[in-house]
């Protein structure tokens, strides 16, 4: 299904959150493409006029109903998907945040099919979006450094 972000004329800026609660990280399974069936972090596209922290709080709330405290950036990821003719079908620049869980229990929206609080070490053995284990490790280090 095509949408406004298919065959873009520019990259889209997105945010996500590695949310820690009681030593566990929240992973969510994407219900549709791109990344359908893979575990990832909750997040989405930054809207015009939003700060990055406003966007990540909103996206996490929309996707999971959780309230979070973004603490620090935990790296970046670029997703460039090309079609069979080598045309850019999707292009996202994703800024993941290290975040603390503040309140709520996950309630998924239509974009997600599953959620789990998992031991961060388990992420490396799960079917995930590229680089997720590294992002989670960086987020944990950022949260420990922040105290």
N, C-alpha and C. Protein backbone atom coordinates (compact mmCIF):
# COMPACT_ATOMS: atom_id res chain seq x y z
N UNK A 1 0.85 -1.18 0.00
CA UNK A 1 0.00 0.00 0.00
C UNK A 1 0.90 1.24 0.00
N UNK A 2 0.72 2.11 -0.96
CA UNK A 2 1.51 3.33 -1.07
C UNK A 2 0.97 4.38 -0.11
N UNK A 3 1.87 5.21 0.37
CA UNK A 3 1.47 6.36 1.19
C UNK A 3 2.35 7.53 0.80
N UNK A 4 2.16 8.65 1.49
CA UNK A 4 2.88 9.87 1.15
C UNK A 4 4.39 9.71 1.32
N UNK A 5 4.82 8.72 2.10
CA UNK A 5 6.25 8.54 2.35
C UNK A 5 6.90 7.57 1.37
N UNK A 6 6.11 7.06 0.44
CA UNK A 6 6.64 6.16 -0.57
C UNK A 6 7.14 6.99 -1.75
N UNK A 7 8.32 6.64 -2.23
CA UNK A 7 9.00 7.38 -3.31
C UNK A 7 9.12 8.86 -2.95
N UNK A 8 9.80 9.13 -1.84
CA UNK A 8 9.91 10.51 -1.37
C UNK A 8 10.88 11.34 -2.20
N UNK A 9 10.74 12.64 -2.09
CA UNK A 9 11.68 13.56 -2.73
C UNK A 9 12.77 13.98 -1.76
N UNK A 10 12.63 13.57 -0.51
CA UNK A 10 13.62 13.89 0.53
C UNK A 10 13.50 12.84 1.62
N UNK A 11 14.51 12.72 2.49
CA UNK A 11 14.42 11.79 3.62
C UNK A 11 13.39 12.30 4.65
N UNK A 12 12.81 11.38 5.39
CA UNK A 12 11.93 11.73 6.49
C UNK A 12 12.67 11.55 7.80
N UNK A 13 12.52 12.52 8.71
CA UNK A 13 13.13 12.46 10.03
C UNK A 13 12.18 11.73 10.97
N UNK A 14 12.70 10.74 11.67
CA UNK A 14 11.89 9.97 12.61
C UNK A 14 12.64 9.83 13.93
N UNK A 15 11.90 9.49 14.98
CA UNK A 15 12.46 9.26 16.31
C UNK A 15 11.94 7.93 16.83
N UNK A 16 12.67 7.36 17.78
CA UNK A 16 12.21 6.16 18.46
C UNK A 16 12.75 6.21 19.89
N UNK A 17 12.30 5.28 20.73
CA UNK A 17 12.73 5.29 22.13
C UNK A 17 13.06 3.90 22.63
N UNK A 18 14.27 3.75 23.16
CA UNK A 18 14.66 2.56 23.91
C UNK A 18 14.26 2.85 25.35
N UNK A 19 13.11 2.30 25.76
CA UNK A 19 12.52 2.61 27.06
C UNK A 19 12.92 1.55 28.06
N UNK A 20 13.55 1.98 29.15
CA UNK A 20 13.97 1.06 30.19
C UNK A 20 13.04 1.14 31.39
N UNK A 21 12.71 -0.05 31.91
CA UNK A 21 11.86 -0.16 33.10
C UNK A 21 12.31 -1.39 33.87
N UNK A 22 12.75 -1.19 35.09
CA UNK A 22 13.17 -2.32 35.94
C UNK A 22 14.19 -3.21 35.25
N UNK A 23 15.14 -2.61 34.54
CA UNK A 23 16.20 -3.37 33.89
C UNK A 23 15.81 -4.03 32.57
N UNK A 24 14.58 -3.84 32.12
CA UNK A 24 14.10 -4.42 30.87
C UNK A 24 13.87 -3.30 29.86
N UNK A 25 13.95 -3.66 28.58
CA UNK A 25 13.69 -2.70 27.50
C UNK A 25 12.42 -3.13 26.77
N UNK A 26 11.63 -2.15 26.35
CA UNK A 26 10.41 -2.44 25.60
C UNK A 26 10.74 -2.62 24.13
N UNK A 27 10.34 -3.77 23.57
CA UNK A 27 10.42 -3.98 22.13
C UNK A 27 9.01 -4.21 21.62
N UNK A 28 8.77 -3.75 20.41
CA UNK A 28 7.46 -3.90 19.79
C UNK A 28 7.64 -4.55 18.42
N UNK A 29 6.63 -5.33 18.02
CA UNK A 29 6.69 -5.97 16.70
C UNK A 29 5.84 -5.14 15.74
N UNK A 30 6.45 -4.76 14.61
CA UNK A 30 5.76 -3.97 13.59
C UNK A 30 4.71 -4.83 12.88
N UNK A 31 3.50 -4.30 12.76
CA UNK A 31 2.39 -5.05 12.17
C UNK A 31 2.36 -4.95 10.65
N UNK A 32 3.03 -3.95 10.08
CA UNK A 32 2.99 -3.78 8.63
C UNK A 32 4.33 -3.23 8.13
N UNK A 33 4.51 -3.27 6.84
CA UNK A 33 5.75 -2.78 6.24
C UNK A 33 5.82 -1.27 6.29
N UNK A 34 6.98 -0.67 6.30
CA UNK A 34 8.27 -1.35 6.31
C UNK A 34 8.55 -2.00 7.67
N UNK A 35 9.35 -3.00 7.68
CA UNK A 35 9.77 -3.72 8.89
C UNK A 35 8.68 -4.60 9.49
N UNK A 36 7.66 -4.93 8.71
CA UNK A 36 6.59 -5.78 9.19
C UNK A 36 7.12 -7.09 9.75
N UNK A 37 6.67 -7.46 10.95
CA UNK A 37 7.07 -8.71 11.59
C UNK A 37 8.34 -8.62 12.41
N UNK A 38 9.09 -7.55 12.28
CA UNK A 38 10.34 -7.40 13.02
C UNK A 38 10.11 -6.64 14.32
N UNK A 39 10.93 -6.97 15.32
CA UNK A 39 10.91 -6.21 16.56
C UNK A 39 11.70 -4.93 16.39
N UNK A 40 11.23 -3.89 17.01
CA UNK A 40 11.85 -2.59 16.91
C UNK A 40 11.54 -1.81 18.18
N UNK A 41 11.73 -0.50 18.10
CA UNK A 41 11.38 0.40 19.19
C UNK A 41 10.19 1.23 18.77
N UNK A 42 9.34 1.63 19.71
CA UNK A 42 8.23 2.50 19.33
C UNK A 42 8.75 3.85 18.85
N UNK A 43 8.08 4.41 17.86
CA UNK A 43 8.50 5.71 17.34
C UNK A 43 7.82 6.00 16.02
N UNK A 44 8.22 7.12 15.42
CA UNK A 44 7.64 7.51 14.15
C UNK A 44 8.18 8.84 13.68
N UNK A 45 7.52 9.40 12.69
CA UNK A 45 7.99 10.60 12.01
C UNK A 45 7.76 11.86 12.84
N UNK A 46 8.74 12.75 12.82
CA UNK A 46 8.65 14.05 13.48
C UNK A 46 7.75 14.95 12.64
N UNK A 47 6.81 15.61 13.30
CA UNK A 47 5.91 16.54 12.60
C UNK A 47 6.50 17.94 12.60
N UNK A 48 6.15 18.73 11.60
CA UNK A 48 6.63 20.12 11.50
C UNK A 48 6.27 20.87 12.77
N UNK A 49 7.22 21.60 13.32
CA UNK A 49 7.00 22.40 14.51
C UNK A 49 7.28 21.67 15.81
N UNK A 50 7.50 20.36 15.77
CA UNK A 50 7.80 19.59 16.98
C UNK A 50 9.30 19.56 17.25
N UNK A 51 9.65 19.60 18.52
CA UNK A 51 11.03 19.30 18.89
C UNK A 51 11.18 17.78 18.85
N UNK A 52 12.41 17.30 18.85
CA UNK A 52 12.64 15.86 18.84
C UNK A 52 12.06 15.20 20.09
N UNK A 53 12.22 15.83 21.25
CA UNK A 53 11.68 15.22 22.48
C UNK A 53 10.16 15.24 22.49
N UNK A 54 9.56 16.29 21.96
CA UNK A 54 8.09 16.31 21.85
C UNK A 54 7.62 15.18 20.93
N UNK A 55 8.33 15.00 19.83
CA UNK A 55 7.95 13.97 18.86
C UNK A 55 8.07 12.57 19.46
N UNK A 56 9.16 12.28 20.16
CA UNK A 56 9.32 10.93 20.70
C UNK A 56 8.30 10.66 21.80
N UNK A 57 8.00 11.66 22.63
CA UNK A 57 6.95 11.47 23.64
C UNK A 57 5.60 11.21 22.99
N UNK A 58 5.26 11.97 21.97
CA UNK A 58 3.98 11.81 21.27
C UNK A 58 3.90 10.45 20.59
N UNK A 59 4.94 10.10 19.85
CA UNK A 59 4.92 8.83 19.12
C UNK A 59 4.81 7.64 20.07
N UNK A 60 5.55 7.66 21.17
CA UNK A 60 5.46 6.56 22.14
C UNK A 60 4.06 6.50 22.74
N UNK A 61 3.50 7.65 23.06
CA UNK A 61 2.14 7.68 23.60
C UNK A 61 1.15 7.13 22.56
N UNK A 62 1.25 7.57 21.31
CA UNK A 62 0.33 7.11 20.26
C UNK A 62 0.44 5.61 20.02
N UNK A 63 1.66 5.08 20.03
CA UNK A 63 1.85 3.67 19.71
C UNK A 63 1.65 2.74 20.89
N UNK A 64 1.92 3.22 22.12
CA UNK A 64 1.91 2.30 23.27
C UNK A 64 1.12 2.80 24.47
N UNK A 65 0.72 4.07 24.50
CA UNK A 65 0.05 4.71 25.64
C UNK A 65 0.97 4.92 26.84
N UNK A 66 2.27 4.78 26.67
CA UNK A 66 3.21 4.99 27.77
C UNK A 66 3.64 6.45 27.87
N UNK A 67 3.94 6.86 29.09
CA UNK A 67 4.56 8.16 29.34
C UNK A 67 6.03 7.89 29.62
N UNK A 68 6.89 8.62 28.92
CA UNK A 68 8.34 8.40 29.06
C UNK A 68 9.06 9.71 29.34
N UNK A 69 10.31 9.56 29.78
CA UNK A 69 11.22 10.69 29.92
C UNK A 69 12.41 10.45 29.00
N UNK A 70 12.48 11.15 27.85
CA UNK A 70 13.66 11.02 26.99
C UNK A 70 14.87 11.62 27.71
N UNK A 71 15.99 10.89 27.69
CA UNK A 71 17.17 11.33 28.43
C UNK A 71 18.29 11.80 27.51
N UNK A 72 18.57 11.03 26.46
CA UNK A 72 19.68 11.36 25.57
C UNK A 72 19.51 10.62 24.25
N UNK A 73 20.12 11.14 23.20
CA UNK A 73 20.14 10.42 21.93
C UNK A 73 21.04 9.20 22.07
N UNK A 74 20.65 8.12 21.40
CA UNK A 74 21.40 6.86 21.48
C UNK A 74 21.89 6.45 20.10
N UNK A 75 22.32 7.42 19.30
CA UNK A 75 22.83 7.13 17.98
C UNK A 75 21.87 7.57 16.89
N UNK A 76 22.01 6.94 15.72
CA UNK A 76 21.12 7.21 14.60
C UNK A 76 21.12 6.01 13.68
N UNK A 77 20.11 5.92 12.87
CA UNK A 77 20.02 4.90 11.84
C UNK A 77 19.46 5.55 10.58
N UNK A 78 19.92 5.07 9.44
CA UNK A 78 19.36 5.48 8.16
C UNK A 78 18.74 4.26 7.51
N UNK A 79 17.55 4.43 6.99
CA UNK A 79 16.87 3.35 6.27
C UNK A 79 16.60 3.86 4.86
N UNK A 80 17.25 3.23 3.90
CA UNK A 80 17.03 3.56 2.49
C UNK A 80 16.60 2.27 1.81
N UNK A 81 15.35 2.21 1.40
CA UNK A 81 14.83 1.03 0.72
C UNK A 81 14.64 1.36 -0.75
N UNK A 82 15.15 0.48 -1.61
CA UNK A 82 15.04 0.68 -3.05
C UNK A 82 14.16 -0.40 -3.66
N UNK A 83 13.46 -0.04 -4.73
CA UNK A 83 12.61 -1.01 -5.41
C UNK A 83 13.43 -1.81 -6.43
N UNK A 84 12.76 -2.64 -7.21
CA UNK A 84 13.44 -3.49 -8.20
C UNK A 84 14.14 -2.70 -9.29
N UNK A 85 13.74 -1.45 -9.49
CA UNK A 85 14.37 -0.60 -10.49
C UNK A 85 15.41 0.33 -9.88
N UNK A 86 15.76 0.08 -8.61
CA UNK A 86 16.76 0.84 -7.87
C UNK A 86 16.32 2.26 -7.53
N UNK A 87 15.02 2.54 -7.61
CA UNK A 87 14.50 3.84 -7.19
C UNK A 87 14.32 3.83 -5.67
N UNK A 88 14.55 4.97 -5.05
CA UNK A 88 14.37 5.08 -3.60
C UNK A 88 12.88 5.02 -3.29
N UNK A 89 12.48 3.94 -2.63
CA UNK A 89 11.08 3.74 -2.28
C UNK A 89 10.76 4.37 -0.93
N UNK A 90 11.72 4.30 0.00
CA UNK A 90 11.57 4.92 1.32
C UNK A 90 12.95 5.38 1.80
N UNK A 91 12.96 6.49 2.54
CA UNK A 91 14.21 6.99 3.11
C UNK A 91 13.89 7.67 4.44
N UNK A 92 14.40 7.08 5.51
CA UNK A 92 14.20 7.63 6.86
C UNK A 92 15.54 7.82 7.54
N UNK A 93 15.67 8.90 8.28
CA UNK A 93 16.77 9.11 9.22
C UNK A 93 16.12 9.02 10.59
N UNK A 94 16.55 8.04 11.39
CA UNK A 94 15.91 7.75 12.67
C UNK A 94 16.86 8.09 13.80
N UNK A 95 16.36 8.90 14.74
CA UNK A 95 17.13 9.27 15.93
C UNK A 95 16.52 8.56 17.15
N UNK A 96 17.17 7.49 17.62
CA UNK A 96 16.66 6.79 18.79
C UNK A 96 17.10 7.48 20.09
N UNK A 97 16.18 7.54 21.03
CA UNK A 97 16.45 8.11 22.34
C UNK A 97 16.58 7.03 23.39
N UNK A 98 17.43 7.26 24.37
CA UNK A 98 17.41 6.49 25.62
C UNK A 98 16.33 7.15 26.47
N UNK A 99 15.42 6.35 27.00
CA UNK A 99 14.30 6.93 27.74
C UNK A 99 13.95 6.08 28.97
N UNK A 100 13.43 6.77 29.96
CA UNK A 100 12.95 6.10 31.17
C UNK A 100 11.43 5.97 31.10
N UNK A 101 10.92 4.83 31.52
CA UNK A 101 9.49 4.63 31.66
C UNK A 101 9.02 5.47 32.84
N UNK A 102 7.94 6.21 32.67
CA UNK A 102 7.36 7.02 33.75
C UNK A 102 6.03 6.43 34.22
N UNK A 103 5.14 6.11 33.28
CA UNK A 103 3.82 5.61 33.67
C UNK A 103 3.15 4.87 32.52
N UNK A 104 2.17 4.06 32.88
CA UNK A 104 1.33 3.37 31.91
C UNK A 104 1.76 1.95 31.65
N UNK A 105 0.84 1.22 31.03
CA UNK A 105 1.11 -0.14 30.57
C UNK A 105 0.86 -0.14 29.07
N UNK A 106 1.68 -0.89 28.31
CA UNK A 106 1.54 -0.87 26.85
C UNK A 106 0.15 -1.27 26.36
N UNK A 107 -0.38 -0.44 25.49
CA UNK A 107 -1.62 -0.69 24.75
C UNK A 107 -1.29 -0.33 23.31
N UNK A 108 -1.26 -1.31 22.45
CA UNK A 108 -0.77 -1.09 21.10
C UNK A 108 -1.80 -0.46 20.18
N UNK A 109 -1.29 0.31 19.21
CA UNK A 109 -2.15 0.83 18.14
C UNK A 109 -2.07 -0.12 16.94
N UNK A 110 -2.69 0.25 15.85
CA UNK A 110 -2.77 -0.63 14.67
C UNK A 110 -1.42 -0.85 13.98
N UNK A 111 -0.41 -0.05 14.30
CA UNK A 111 0.90 -0.21 13.67
C UNK A 111 1.73 -1.33 14.29
N UNK A 112 1.32 -1.79 15.47
CA UNK A 112 2.09 -2.79 16.21
C UNK A 112 1.24 -4.01 16.51
N UNK A 113 1.89 -5.20 16.51
CA UNK A 113 1.15 -6.43 16.77
C UNK A 113 1.51 -7.08 18.11
N UNK A 114 2.58 -6.64 18.74
CA UNK A 114 3.03 -7.29 19.97
C UNK A 114 3.98 -6.36 20.72
N UNK A 115 4.06 -6.54 22.03
CA UNK A 115 5.04 -5.83 22.83
C UNK A 115 5.60 -6.78 23.86
N UNK A 116 6.83 -6.52 24.29
CA UNK A 116 7.48 -7.32 25.34
C UNK A 116 8.50 -6.46 26.07
N UNK A 117 8.56 -6.60 27.38
CA UNK A 117 9.67 -6.08 28.15
C UNK A 117 10.69 -7.21 28.19
N UNK A 118 11.87 -6.99 27.65
CA UNK A 118 12.87 -8.06 27.56
C UNK A 118 14.19 -7.64 28.18
N UNK A 119 14.96 -8.64 28.56
CA UNK A 119 16.32 -8.40 29.01
C UNK A 119 17.08 -7.84 27.82
N UNK A 120 17.80 -6.75 28.00
CA UNK A 120 18.52 -6.14 26.86
C UNK A 120 19.44 -7.11 26.12
N UNK A 121 20.03 -8.06 26.83
CA UNK A 121 20.93 -9.02 26.18
C UNK A 121 20.17 -9.93 25.20
N UNK A 122 18.88 -10.11 25.39
CA UNK A 122 18.08 -10.98 24.53
C UNK A 122 17.80 -10.35 23.16
N UNK A 123 17.92 -9.05 23.05
CA UNK A 123 17.60 -8.35 21.80
C UNK A 123 18.45 -8.85 20.64
N UNK A 124 19.71 -9.16 20.90
CA UNK A 124 20.62 -9.59 19.84
C UNK A 124 20.18 -10.89 19.18
N UNK A 125 19.40 -11.71 19.86
CA UNK A 125 18.97 -12.99 19.28
C UNK A 125 17.55 -12.94 18.72
N UNK A 126 16.94 -11.78 18.69
CA UNK A 126 15.58 -11.63 18.19
C UNK A 126 15.59 -11.14 16.74
N UNK A 127 14.51 -11.39 15.99
CA UNK A 127 14.41 -10.82 14.64
C UNK A 127 14.04 -9.33 14.76
N UNK A 128 15.02 -8.47 14.53
CA UNK A 128 14.85 -7.04 14.76
C UNK A 128 15.21 -6.23 13.53
N UNK A 129 14.85 -4.96 13.61
CA UNK A 129 15.34 -4.01 12.62
C UNK A 129 16.85 -3.90 12.78
N UNK A 130 17.58 -3.56 11.71
CA UNK A 130 19.04 -3.53 11.76
C UNK A 130 19.59 -2.62 12.87
N UNK A 131 20.57 -3.15 13.61
CA UNK A 131 21.27 -2.36 14.61
C UNK A 131 20.54 -2.17 15.93
N UNK A 132 19.42 -2.86 16.15
CA UNK A 132 18.64 -2.62 17.36
C UNK A 132 19.42 -2.96 18.64
N UNK A 133 20.15 -4.08 18.64
CA UNK A 133 20.91 -4.45 19.85
C UNK A 133 21.93 -3.37 20.20
N UNK A 134 22.58 -2.79 19.20
CA UNK A 134 23.57 -1.74 19.44
C UNK A 134 22.90 -0.48 20.01
N UNK A 135 21.73 -0.14 19.46
CA UNK A 135 21.00 1.03 19.96
C UNK A 135 20.62 0.83 21.43
N UNK A 136 20.11 -0.36 21.74
CA UNK A 136 19.71 -0.66 23.12
C UNK A 136 20.92 -0.58 24.06
N UNK A 137 22.06 -1.14 23.65
CA UNK A 137 23.27 -1.07 24.48
C UNK A 137 23.72 0.37 24.71
N UNK A 138 23.67 1.17 23.66
CA UNK A 138 24.04 2.59 23.78
C UNK A 138 23.06 3.31 24.71
N UNK A 139 21.77 3.02 24.58
CA UNK A 139 20.75 3.65 25.44
C UNK A 139 20.98 3.32 26.90
N UNK A 140 21.31 2.07 27.17
CA UNK A 140 21.56 1.67 28.57
C UNK A 140 22.76 2.42 29.12
N UNK A 141 23.81 2.52 28.34
CA UNK A 141 25.00 3.27 28.77
C UNK A 141 24.65 4.74 29.01
N UNK A 142 23.83 5.34 28.13
CA UNK A 142 23.42 6.74 28.30
C UNK A 142 22.63 6.92 29.60
N UNK A 143 21.72 5.99 29.87
CA UNK A 143 20.89 6.10 31.08
C UNK A 143 21.73 5.92 32.35
N UNK A 144 22.70 5.01 32.31
CA UNK A 144 23.59 4.82 33.47
C UNK A 144 24.43 6.08 33.71
N UNK A 145 24.92 6.67 32.63
CA UNK A 145 25.74 7.89 32.74
C UNK A 145 24.91 9.06 33.28
N UNK A 146 23.63 9.09 32.92
CA UNK A 146 22.76 10.18 33.38
C UNK A 146 22.35 10.02 34.83
N UNK A 147 22.52 8.81 35.35
CA UNK A 147 22.19 8.55 36.77
C UNK A 147 20.77 8.29 37.08
